């Protein structure tokens, strides 16, 4: 049978209880005798890569001279016609 811990004791002994769960001993935290949560060891399934938004993937392209597009016009706005 799984161990049930009241919420006050869980707060008081959290580190010890986490160690129990990590070592394969899950437990239930209860409030006023009513089971609230099940605490179990976390089992990572591998590193998850964040998914990037790609709704325009393959539909647009960035020109090689992107960083210098309109440079002449912009320089004229700030420097005038010298």
Protein backbone atom coordinates (compact mmCIF):
# COMPACT_ATOMS: atom_id res chain seq x y z
CA UNK A 1 0.00 0.00 0.00
CA UNK A 2 1.24 3.49 -0.89
CA UNK A 3 2.21 5.87 1.91
CA UNK A 4 -0.13 8.83 2.54
CA UNK A 5 1.32 12.01 4.06
CA UNK A 6 -0.74 14.93 5.34
CA UNK A 7 0.07 18.27 3.75
CA UNK A 8 1.53 19.78 6.93
CA UNK A 9 3.99 16.90 7.33
CA UNK A 10 4.80 17.09 3.62
CA UNK A 11 5.79 20.76 3.99
CA UNK A 12 7.84 19.99 7.08
CA UNK A 13 9.70 17.02 5.56
CA UNK A 14 9.73 17.90 1.87
CA UNK A 15 13.41 17.12 1.22
CA UNK A 16 13.13 13.68 2.82
CA UNK A 17 9.92 12.91 0.93
CA UNK A 18 11.42 13.98 -2.39
CA UNK A 19 14.32 11.60 -1.73
CA UNK A 20 11.80 8.79 -1.15
CA UNK A 21 10.09 9.48 -4.48
CA UNK A 22 13.42 9.71 -6.32
CA UNK A 23 14.35 6.32 -4.86
CA UNK A 24 11.19 4.74 -6.27
CA UNK A 25 8.80 5.15 -3.33
CA UNK A 26 5.84 7.22 -4.58
CA UNK A 27 3.46 8.70 -2.03
CA UNK A 28 0.20 10.61 -1.77
CA UNK A 29 -0.20 14.02 -0.15
CA UNK A 30 -3.57 14.41 1.55
CA UNK A 31 -5.43 17.40 3.00
CA UNK A 32 -7.92 16.71 5.79
CA UNK A 33 -7.63 13.01 4.95
CA UNK A 34 -8.57 13.56 1.29
CA UNK A 35 -5.89 12.48 -1.24
CA UNK A 36 -4.79 15.52 -3.27
CA UNK A 37 -1.67 14.62 -5.28
CA UNK A 38 0.49 11.65 -6.16
CA UNK A 39 4.24 12.32 -5.97
CA UNK A 40 6.41 10.09 -8.16
CA UNK A 41 9.94 10.14 -9.53
CA UNK A 42 10.36 12.18 -12.73
CA UNK A 43 11.53 10.04 -15.64
CA UNK A 44 12.97 12.24 -18.41
CA UNK A 45 12.36 10.79 -21.86
CA UNK A 46 15.14 12.72 -23.56
CA UNK A 47 15.81 16.30 -24.41
CA UNK A 48 12.88 17.97 -26.12
CA UNK A 49 13.72 20.56 -28.73
CA UNK A 50 11.45 23.58 -28.73
CA UNK A 51 9.22 23.60 -31.78
CA UNK A 52 9.69 26.65 -33.97
CA UNK A 53 6.88 28.35 -35.72
CA UNK A 54 7.29 27.54 -39.38
CA UNK A 55 4.10 28.43 -41.18
CA UNK A 56 6.09 30.19 -43.96
CA UNK A 57 8.79 27.53 -44.15
CA UNK A 58 9.90 27.19 -47.77
CA UNK A 59 7.66 30.03 -48.96
CA UNK A 60 10.05 32.94 -48.47
CA UNK A 61 13.76 33.49 -48.82
CA UNK A 62 16.17 36.10 -47.53
CA UNK A 63 18.44 37.64 -50.20
CA UNK A 64 22.20 37.45 -49.66
CA UNK A 65 22.46 41.26 -49.59
CA UNK A 66 19.71 41.64 -46.97
CA UNK A 67 21.99 43.50 -44.53
CA UNK A 68 22.78 46.18 -47.10
CA UNK A 69 19.40 46.57 -48.82
CA UNK A 70 18.51 50.26 -49.13
CA UNK A 71 21.83 51.31 -47.59
CA UNK A 72 22.38 54.15 -50.05
CA UNK A 73 18.92 55.59 -49.49
CA UNK A 74 19.22 55.32 -45.71
CA UNK A 75 22.63 57.01 -45.70
CA UNK A 76 21.21 59.86 -47.76
CA UNK A 77 18.38 60.33 -45.23
CA UNK A 78 20.86 60.69 -42.36
CA UNK A 79 23.85 62.27 -44.06
CA UNK A 80 22.20 64.28 -46.81
CA UNK A 81 23.62 64.65 -50.27
CA UNK A 82 27.31 65.19 -49.61
